[in-house]
């Protein structure tokens, strides 16, 4: 592949789109004013060396002629090695144009349907000129709000691909909910509803790219209502050419991001060590890997988050239990050694009940059993006497270090005997 942006137009298979045709002057003018170098392919696709002179090859609706087997093989090799193709058909697909484009496009995961797309609600003048406003996110569909697909066939993405790992096909322009088509079923043309079917596909095949759609009228300069300058048709074509030629990739789209400082230094070191062009290339490769393995990566992230959440819950539970124990200890610490009033003890026990969930009662009558002060002639007592008293009475012998009245009376009676 050369470094120049060269587009090759096929002139060897009865293609309708040519540089000399007055009906495509606006498209031709766009190519030249955009700086693209254009070449004509007049000897077919028989030399892979000749094909590699072009960055992009346009095959535009061959009429009454077929691609040869070796041409198809050469085009496959060309795309596999990094080349790109823009392949267009028109109303009726291969059947209506008497050609065999599908033998080529099936290698890239899609084919053109033998139909003509219509819309019963959203259209310009005729139902076979449907207005399209359903697009999937892609660089090709950026800044596009509405286009016209006139006298076009639809595309069909194949259910089975021989090499799924190296082929990725996306339908990025989709028909509306009121779409219907006339389709050839092998015997007759029949009409049936066909909402939300792909009209334009973008494929990545090994190192190359392919875009396919069935609307040749989009290049036309003859009709302002559905041709090159209708709605966003010209933007769509410009985006397609840019994506295929690599103009979008080479120029890039500036994006401001905030990198973690450690990641930035790591990336900077890798760029120098491995001789990358710059950090942007490293980020693009990372994002490409993330895109290709999105589901697996997301599942792994969810798993890690779930494990962290469980650990967090266990930590919060343990923390709460410790806090409750500390709260109970703090309440108990509030009970002083000094003498307390009955109201103070009731408040303390209420707080304890809220923490432990148990019920407490005062076991002594503070109003009747006042603690003795230092009274002359106070009878002394022993620990054995305290134990003996409390075994026989539901009273306390000692309160705050002093004998209670009940204990003193018991001692008096004991000593009288």
Protein backbone atom coordinates (compact mmCIF):
# COMPACT_ATOMS: atom_id res chain seq x y z
CA UNK A 1 0.00 0.00 0.00
CA UNK A 2 1.34 3.45 -0.85
CA UNK A 3 1.28 6.39 1.52
CA UNK A 4 -0.76 8.51 -0.89
CA UNK A 5 -4.53 8.74 -0.66
CA UNK A 6 -5.41 7.16 -4.01
CA UNK A 7 -8.90 5.98 -4.92
CA UNK A 8 -9.33 3.54 -7.77
CA UNK A 9 -12.62 3.53 -9.73
CA UNK A 10 -13.51 0.29 -11.50
CA UNK A 11 -13.97 0.88 -15.24
CA UNK A 12 -13.76 -2.78 -16.26
CA UNK A 13 -17.16 -4.24 -15.33
CA UNK A 14 -19.73 -1.85 -16.86
CA UNK A 15 -19.91 0.32 -13.75
CA UNK A 16 -22.42 3.15 -13.96
CA UNK A 17 -20.40 5.58 -11.83
CA UNK A 18 -17.60 7.19 -13.87
CA UNK A 19 -15.69 10.45 -13.66
CA UNK A 20 -16.85 11.54 -17.12
CA UNK A 21 -20.59 11.06 -16.49
CA UNK A 22 -22.36 14.41 -16.17
CA UNK A 23 -24.87 12.88 -13.77
CA UNK A 24 -22.12 12.51 -11.10
CA UNK A 25 -20.27 15.83 -11.45
CA UNK A 26 -20.90 16.96 -7.86
CA UNK A 27 -19.48 13.72 -6.43
CA UNK A 28 -16.48 13.92 -8.78
CA UNK A 29 -15.91 17.53 -7.77
CA UNK A 30 -16.05 16.51 -4.11
CA UNK A 31 -13.31 13.91 -4.63
CA UNK A 32 -10.93 16.37 -6.28
CA UNK A 33 -11.60 19.30 -3.93
CA UNK A 34 -11.07 16.99 -0.93
CA UNK A 35 -7.54 16.25 -2.12
CA UNK A 36 -8.06 12.62 -3.12
CA UNK A 37 -5.99 11.33 -6.03
CA UNK A 38 -8.18 9.33 -8.43
CA UNK A 39 -7.19 6.50 -10.73
CA UNK A 40 -9.04 4.31 -13.25
CA UNK A 41 -8.91 0.51 -13.07
CA UNK A 42 -9.47 -0.52 -16.69
CA UNK A 43 -7.81 -3.93 -16.83
CA UNK A 44 -9.83 -5.69 -14.15
CA UNK A 45 -8.68 -7.02 -10.80
CA UNK A 46 -6.21 -9.52 -12.20
CA UNK A 47 -3.07 -8.23 -10.48
CA UNK A 48 -2.80 -7.99 -6.70
CA UNK A 49 0.27 -5.80 -7.18
CA UNK A 50 -1.74 -3.27 -9.20
CA UNK A 51 -4.57 -3.32 -6.65
CA UNK A 52 -2.18 -2.44 -3.84
CA UNK A 53 -1.42 0.88 -5.50
CA UNK A 54 -4.82 2.06 -4.27
CA UNK A 55 -5.87 2.74 -0.71
CA UNK A 56 -9.55 2.38 -1.63
CA UNK A 57 -11.30 0.79 -4.62
CA UNK A 58 -14.86 1.71 -5.63
CA UNK A 59 -16.99 -0.90 -7.41
CA UNK A 60 -20.21 0.88 -8.39
CA UNK A 61 -23.08 -1.27 -9.62
CA UNK A 62 -21.69 -3.46 -12.42
CA UNK A 63 -24.28 -4.09 -15.16
CA UNK A 64 -24.62 -7.31 -17.18
CA UNK A 65 -21.16 -8.53 -16.25
CA UNK A 66 -19.64 -10.78 -13.61
CA UNK A 67 -16.50 -10.69 -11.54
CA UNK A 68 -14.18 -13.59 -12.38
CA UNK A 69 -13.13 -16.10 -9.74
CA UNK A 70 -9.51 -14.93 -9.71
CA UNK A 71 -10.66 -11.30 -9.43
CA UNK A 72 -12.70 -12.14 -6.36
CA UNK A 73 -9.69 -13.94 -4.81
CA UNK A 74 -7.43 -10.98 -5.53
CA UNK A 75 -9.90 -8.54 -3.98
CA UNK A 76 -10.08 -10.74 -0.87
CA UNK A 77 -6.29 -10.71 -0.55
CA UNK A 78 -6.25 -6.97 -1.17
CA UNK A 79 -8.68 -6.28 1.71
CA UNK A 80 -7.07 -8.86 3.98
CA UNK A 81 -3.77 -7.05 3.60
CA UNK A 82 -5.23 -3.68 4.58
CA UNK A 83 -7.02 -2.40 1.48
CA UNK A 84 -10.58 -1.12 1.49
CA UNK A 85 -13.60 -1.47 -0.79
CA UNK A 86 -16.71 0.60 -1.40
CA UNK A 87 -19.23 -1.67 -3.12
CA UNK A 88 -22.57 -0.31 -4.30
CA UNK A 89 -25.56 -1.96 -5.92
CA UNK A 90 -29.02 -0.67 -6.78
CA UNK A 91 -32.67 -1.70 -7.06
CA UNK A 92 -33.00 -5.47 -7.50
CA UNK A 93 -29.49 -6.30 -6.30
CA UNK A 94 -27.58 -8.90 -8.31
CA UNK A 95 -30.80 -10.20 -9.87
CA UNK A 96 -31.91 -6.77 -11.10
CA UNK A 97 -28.45 -5.80 -12.41
CA UNK A 98 -27.45 -9.20 -13.84
CA UNK A 99 -24.16 -9.44 -11.97
CA UNK A 100 -22.50 -11.44 -9.16
CA UNK A 101 -21.39 -8.94 -6.51
CA UNK A 102 -22.68 -11.25 -3.79
CA UNK A 103 -20.00 -13.81 -4.62
CA UNK A 104 -17.52 -11.17 -3.47
CA UNK A 105 -19.45 -9.62 -0.56
CA UNK A 106 -20.26 -12.96 1.09
CA UNK A 107 -16.57 -13.19 1.96
CA UNK A 108 -17.04 -10.05 4.07
CA UNK A 109 -20.20 -11.24 5.83
CA UNK A 110 -23.06 -9.65 3.83
CA UNK A 111 -24.90 -9.65 0.51
CA UNK A 112 -27.29 -7.47 -1.48
CA UNK A 113 -30.97 -8.48 -1.43
CA UNK A 114 -32.98 -8.83 -4.68
CA UNK A 115 -35.43 -6.12 -3.64
CA UNK A 116 -36.40 -2.45 -3.81
CA UNK A 117 -36.89 -0.59 -0.53
CA UNK A 118 -39.99 1.60 0.00
CA UNK A 119 -41.54 3.51 2.89
CA UNK A 120 -45.28 4.16 3.16
CA UNK A 121 -44.96 7.17 5.51
CA UNK A 122 -41.56 8.86 5.32
CA UNK A 123 -40.51 9.46 1.73
CA UNK A 124 -39.74 12.14 -0.88
CA UNK A 125 -42.30 12.33 -3.76
CA UNK A 126 -42.35 8.54 -4.25
CA UNK A 127 -42.38 5.73 -1.71
CA UNK A 128 -39.29 4.23 -3.37
CA UNK A 129 -37.38 7.29 -2.08
CA UNK A 130 -37.57 6.69 1.67
CA UNK A 131 -36.26 9.17 4.22
CA UNK A 132 -33.94 7.43 6.67
CA UNK A 133 -33.24 8.69 10.18
CA UNK A 134 -32.28 5.50 12.03
CA UNK A 135 -28.50 5.22 12.45
CA UNK A 136 -26.24 3.19 14.70
CA UNK A 137 -23.24 4.93 16.31
CA UNK A 138 -20.23 4.79 13.98
CA UNK A 139 -17.72 7.26 12.55
CA UNK A 140 -19.60 6.93 9.25
CA UNK A 141 -22.87 8.15 10.79
CA UNK A 142 -21.44 11.09 12.75
CA UNK A 143 -23.27 14.43 12.21
CA UNK A 144 -25.96 12.71 10.11
CA UNK A 145 -29.62 13.30 10.93
CA UNK A 146 -31.48 12.35 7.74
CA UNK A 147 -30.68 10.90 4.32
CA UNK A 148 -32.61 9.70 1.23
CA UNK A 149 -32.14 6.21 -0.21
CA UNK A 150 -33.74 6.23 -3.65
CA UNK A 151 -34.35 3.14 -5.81
CA UNK A 152 -32.16 1.06 -3.53
CA UNK A 153 -31.89 -2.54 -2.49
CA UNK A 154 -31.28 -3.60 1.10
CA UNK A 155 -28.36 -5.54 2.53
CA UNK A 156 -28.45 -8.79 4.45
CA UNK A 157 -25.89 -9.70 7.11
CA UNK A 158 -25.07 -13.41 6.97
CA UNK A 159 -25.96 -15.55 9.98
CA UNK A 160 -22.91 -17.75 9.55
CA UNK A 161 -19.40 -16.49 8.90
CA UNK A 162 -16.53 -18.84 8.06
CA UNK A 163 -13.98 -16.84 10.03
CA UNK A 164 -15.89 -14.96 12.74
CA UNK A 165 -12.74 -13.92 14.61
CA UNK A 166 -11.48 -11.89 11.66
CA UNK A 167 -14.77 -10.55 10.30
CA UNK A 168 -16.93 -7.93 11.99
CA UNK A 169 -20.05 -6.66 10.20
CA UNK A 170 -22.39 -3.90 11.41
CA UNK A 171 -25.61 -2.64 9.85
CA UNK A 172 -25.31 1.09 10.61
CA UNK A 173 -28.08 2.58 8.42
CA UNK A 174 -31.45 1.02 9.21
CA UNK A 175 -34.84 1.29 7.50
CA UNK A 176 -37.85 2.83 9.29
CA UNK A 177 -40.78 1.12 10.99
CA UNK A 178 -43.02 1.75 7.96
CA UNK A 179 -40.62 0.22 5.46
CA UNK A 180 -41.76 -2.38 2.94
CA UNK A 181 -40.07 -3.84 -0.12
CA UNK A 182 -40.69 -5.56 -3.42
CA UNK A 183 -38.51 -8.66 -3.35
CA UNK A 184 -37.86 -11.41 -5.89
CA UNK A 185 -38.45 -14.77 -4.21
CA UNK A 186 -36.99 -16.86 -7.05
CA UNK A 187 -40.20 -16.99 -9.08
CA UNK A 188 -42.11 -13.71 -8.65
CA UNK A 189 -41.83 -10.22 -7.23
CA UNK A 190 -43.80 -10.02 -3.98
CA UNK A 191 -44.46 -7.21 -1.51
CA UNK A 192 -43.93 -7.55 2.23
CA UNK A 193 -43.22 -5.40 5.28
CA UNK A 194 -39.54 -4.99 6.08
CA UNK A 195 -39.06 -2.63 9.06
CA UNK A 196 -35.64 -2.08 10.63
CA UNK A 197 -33.56 -3.90 8.02
CA UNK A 198 -29.93 -2.89 7.28
CA UNK A 199 -29.46 -0.61 4.27
CA UNK A 200 -25.76 0.09 4.68
CA UNK A 201 -23.14 -2.16 6.28
CA UNK A 202 -19.59 -1.51 7.43
CA UNK A 203 -17.30 -4.52 7.67
CA UNK A 204 -13.81 -5.06 9.06
CA UNK A 205 -12.04 -7.98 7.37
CA UNK A 206 -8.62 -8.80 8.85
CA UNK A 207 -6.62 -5.56 8.31
CA UNK A 208 -9.01 -4.08 5.74
CA UNK A 209 -12.44 -2.44 5.55
CA UNK A 210 -15.51 -2.78 3.35
CA UNK A 211 -18.66 -0.63 3.02
CA UNK A 212 -21.64 -1.89 1.07
CA UNK A 213 -25.04 -0.35 0.23
CA UNK A 214 -27.56 -0.58 -2.60
CA UNK A 215 -28.13 3.06 -3.51
CA UNK A 216 -26.34 4.39 -6.60
CA UNK A 217 -28.67 7.44 -6.76
CA UNK A 218 -26.96 8.94 -3.72
CA UNK A 219 -24.04 9.97 -5.99
CA UNK A 220 -26.34 11.66 -8.51
CA UNK A 221 -26.28 15.37 -9.40
CA UNK A 222 -29.52 15.22 -11.39
CA UNK A 223 -32.04 15.30 -8.57
CA UNK A 224 -31.69 17.69 -5.65
CA UNK A 225 -34.43 15.91 -3.66
CA UNK A 226 -32.64 12.54 -3.46
CA UNK A 227 -29.13 12.92 -4.93
CA UNK A 228 -25.69 13.85 -3.60
CA UNK A 229 -26.77 17.16 -2.04
CA UNK A 230 -30.10 15.98 -0.58
CA UNK A 231 -30.28 16.29 3.22
CA UNK A 232 -27.08 14.72 4.70
CA UNK A 233 -26.28 12.47 1.73
CA UNK A 234 -23.03 14.28 0.96
CA UNK A 235 -21.87 14.04 4.60
CA UNK A 236 -22.55 10.30 4.58
CA UNK A 237 -20.43 9.80 1.44
CA UNK A 238 -17.67 12.01 2.84
CA UNK A 239 -17.60 9.99 6.08
CA UNK A 240 -17.50 6.70 4.17
CA UNK A 241 -14.55 7.79 2.00
CA UNK A 242 -12.70 9.17 5.03
CA UNK A 243 -13.17 5.93 7.00
CA UNK A 244 -12.13 3.72 4.08
CA UNK A 245 -9.05 5.74 3.13
CA UNK A 246 -7.92 6.06 6.72
CA UNK A 247 -8.21 9.85 6.78
CA UNK A 248 -10.20 9.73 10.00
CA UNK A 249 -7.70 7.41 11.67
CA UNK A 250 -4.63 9.35 10.56
CA UNK A 251 -5.95 12.75 11.59
CA UNK A 252 -7.79 11.51 14.64
CA UNK A 253 -10.38 13.28 16.73
CA UNK A 254 -9.01 15.43 19.58
CA UNK A 255 -10.36 14.37 22.96
CA UNK A 256 -9.38 15.87 26.32
CA UNK A 257 -9.07 13.27 29.07
CA UNK A 258 -7.68 13.24 32.60
CA UNK A 259 -5.17 10.44 33.15
CA UNK A 260 -4.20 9.06 36.54
CA UNK A 261 -0.66 10.35 37.14
CA UNK A 262 0.78 6.86 37.75
CA UNK A 263 -0.86 5.59 34.54
CA UNK A 264 0.49 8.56 32.61
CA UNK A 265 4.08 7.89 33.74
CA UNK A 266 3.64 4.18 32.99
CA UNK A 267 2.26 4.93 29.50
CA UNK A 268 5.02 7.45 28.82
CA UNK A 269 7.63 4.85 29.77
CA UNK A 270 6.03 2.19 27.52
CA UNK A 271 5.92 4.61 24.57
CA UNK A 272 9.66 5.28 24.91
CA UNK A 273 10.59 1.67 25.61
CA UNK A 274 8.52 0.06 22.85
CA UNK A 275 8.93 3.00 20.44
CA UNK A 276 5.22 3.76 19.98
CA UNK A 277 4.29 6.84 17.97
CA UNK A 278 2.72 8.40 21.04
CA UNK A 279 0.39 7.87 24.01
CA UNK A 280 -2.61 8.29 21.66
CA UNK A 281 -1.65 5.08 19.84
CA UNK A 282 -1.37 3.23 23.13
CA UNK A 283 -4.80 4.48 24.22
CA UNK A 284 -6.36 3.55 20.86
CA UNK A 285 -4.98 0.00 21.10
CA UNK A 286 -6.28 -0.28 24.67
CA UNK A 287 -9.73 0.94 23.66
CA UNK A 288 -9.77 -1.45 20.68
CA UNK A 289 -9.01 -4.37 23.00
CA UNK A 290 -11.69 -3.17 25.42
CA UNK A 291 -14.19 -2.91 22.55
CA UNK A 292 -13.39 -6.42 21.22
CA UNK A 293 -13.60 -8.01 24.69
CA UNK A 294 -16.22 -5.73 26.21
CA UNK A 295 -18.59 -8.36 27.65
CA UNK A 296 -15.83 -10.44 29.26
CA UNK A 297 -14.20 -7.38 30.81
CA UNK A 298 -17.50 -6.02 32.14
CA UNK A 299 -18.38 -9.40 33.72
CA UNK A 300 -14.99 -9.50 35.44
CA UNK A 301 -15.44 -5.94 36.71
CA UNK A 302 -18.91 -6.84 38.07
CA UNK A 303 -17.44 -9.87 39.83
CA UNK A 304 -14.70 -7.81 41.47
CA UNK A 305 -17.21 -5.14 42.53
CA UNK A 306 -19.50 -7.80 44.02
CA UNK A 307 -16.63 -9.27 46.04
CA UNK A 308 -15.66 -5.82 47.30
CA UNK A 309 -19.27 -5.10 48.25
CA UNK A 310 -19.51 -8.31 50.29
CA UNK A 311 -16.26 -7.47 52.09
CA UNK A 312 -17.57 -3.97 52.74
CA UNK A 313 -20.81 -5.32 54.22
CA UNK A 314 -18.88 -7.70 56.50
CA UNK A 315 -16.64 -4.82 57.63
CA UNK A 316 -19.63 -2.54 58.35
CA UNK A 317 -21.34 -5.31 60.34
CA UNK A 318 -18.25 -5.95 62.47
CA UNK A 319 -17.76 -2.21 62.96
CA UNK A 320 -21.37 -1.81 64.11
CA UNK A 321 -21.04 -4.64 66.65
CA UNK A 322 -17.89 -3.07 68.10
CA UNK A 323 -19.57 0.34 68.30
CA UNK A 324 -22.55 -1.16 70.17
CA UNK A 325 -20.22 -2.81 72.68
CA UNK A 326 -18.35 0.46 73.19
CA UNK A 327 -21.65 2.33 73.64
CA UNK A 328 -22.75 -0.09 76.39
CA UNK A 329 -19.40 0.26 78.14
CA UNK A 330 -19.64 4.05 77.99
CA UNK A 331 -23.11 3.97 79.59
CA UNK A 332 -21.87 1.72 82.40
CA UNK A 333 -18.92 4.03 82.94
CA UNK A 334 -21.38 6.85 83.61
CA UNK A 335 -22.47 5.11 86.86
CA UNK A 336 -20.25 6.83 89.48
CA UNK A 337 -19.13 5.50 92.81
CA UNK A 338 -20.67 8.45 94.63
CA UNK A 339 -24.18 8.34 96.02
CA UNK A 340 -26.95 8.74 93.39
CA UNK A 341 -30.58 9.70 93.64
CA UNK A 342 -33.28 7.25 92.59
CA UNK A 343 -34.13 9.36 89.51
CA UNK A 344 -30.50 9.18 88.32
CA UNK A 345 -30.43 5.38 88.59
CA UNK A 346 -33.69 5.08 86.68
CA UNK A 347 -32.26 7.15 83.79
CA UNK A 348 -29.15 4.96 83.69
CA UNK A 349 -31.19 1.75 83.65
CA UNK A 350 -33.41 3.11 80.86
CA UNK A 351 -30.29 3.73 78.75
CA UNK A 352 -29.06 0.20 79.48
CA UNK A 353 -32.42 -1.25 78.41
CA UNK A 354 -32.20 0.55 75.05
CA UNK A 355 -28.75 -0.94 74.39
CA UNK A 356 -29.21 -4.52 75.70
CA UNK A 357 -32.94 -4.98 75.14
CA UNK A 358 -33.33 -6.33 78.71
CA UNK A 359 -35.45 -5.02 81.60
CA UNK A 360 -33.87 -3.83 84.92
CA UNK A 361 -35.37 -3.05 88.33
CA UNK A 362 -33.95 -1.34 91.44
CA UNK A 363 -33.37 -4.05 94.07
CA UNK A 364 -33.20 -1.69 97.10
CA UNK A 365 -35.52 0.96 98.45
CA UNK A 366 -33.46 4.12 98.34
CA UNK A 367 -36.12 6.13 100.16
CA UNK A 368 -36.18 3.84 103.22
CA UNK A 369 -32.68 2.37 103.28
CA UNK A 370 -30.48 5.38 103.68
CA UNK A 371 -26.79 4.69 104.07
CA UNK A 372 -25.33 5.13 107.54
CA UNK A 373 -22.84 7.85 108.07
CA UNK A 374 -20.02 7.72 110.55
CA UNK A 375 -22.01 7.16 113.75
CA UNK A 376 -20.28 6.84 117.11
CA UNK A 377 -20.48 3.30 118.44
CA UNK A 378 -20.98 1.71 114.98
CA UNK A 379 -20.67 -2.04 115.30
CA UNK A 380 -17.94 -3.56 113.17
CA UNK A 381 -18.70 -6.46 110.81
CA UNK A 382 -16.93 -9.12 108.81
CA UNK A 383 -17.22 -10.40 105.24
CA UNK A 384 -18.76 -13.62 106.56
CA UNK A 385 -21.51 -11.56 108.22
CA UNK A 386 -22.21 -9.69 104.95
CA UNK A 387 -22.61 -13.01 103.10
CA UNK A 388 -24.78 -14.43 105.89
CA UNK A 389 -27.06 -11.36 105.88
CA UNK A 390 -27.56 -11.22 102.09
CA UNK A 391 -28.37 -14.96 101.95
CA UNK A 392 -31.28 -14.50 104.35
CA UNK A 393 -32.57 -11.12 103.24
CA UNK A 394 -33.48 -9.60 99.83
CA UNK A 395 -31.54 -6.53 100.88
CA UNK A 396 -28.02 -5.23 100.41
CA UNK A 397 -25.70 -5.21 103.42
CA UNK A 398 -23.40 -2.56 102.03
CA UNK A 399 -24.23 0.40 99.84
CA UNK A 400 -21.44 2.62 98.54
CA UNK A 401 -19.03 1.23 101.12
CA UNK A 402 -21.29 1.75 104.17
CA UNK A 403 -23.64 -0.52 106.11
CA UNK A 404 -27.33 -0.14 105.41
CA UNK A 405 -29.92 0.38 108.16
CA UNK A 406 -31.30 -3.15 107.63
CA UNK A 407 -27.81 -4.67 108.01
CA UNK A 408 -27.11 -2.57 111.14
CA UNK A 409 -30.37 -3.68 112.74
CA UNK A 410 -29.52 -7.30 111.91
CA UNK A 411 -26.10 -6.87 113.49
CA UNK A 412 -27.61 -5.25 116.59
CA UNK A 413 -30.01 -8.17 117.05
CA UNK A 414 -27.20 -10.68 116.50
CA UNK A 415 -24.95 -9.03 119.10
CA UNK A 416 -27.88 -8.71 121.62
CA UNK A 417 -28.30 -12.50 121.46
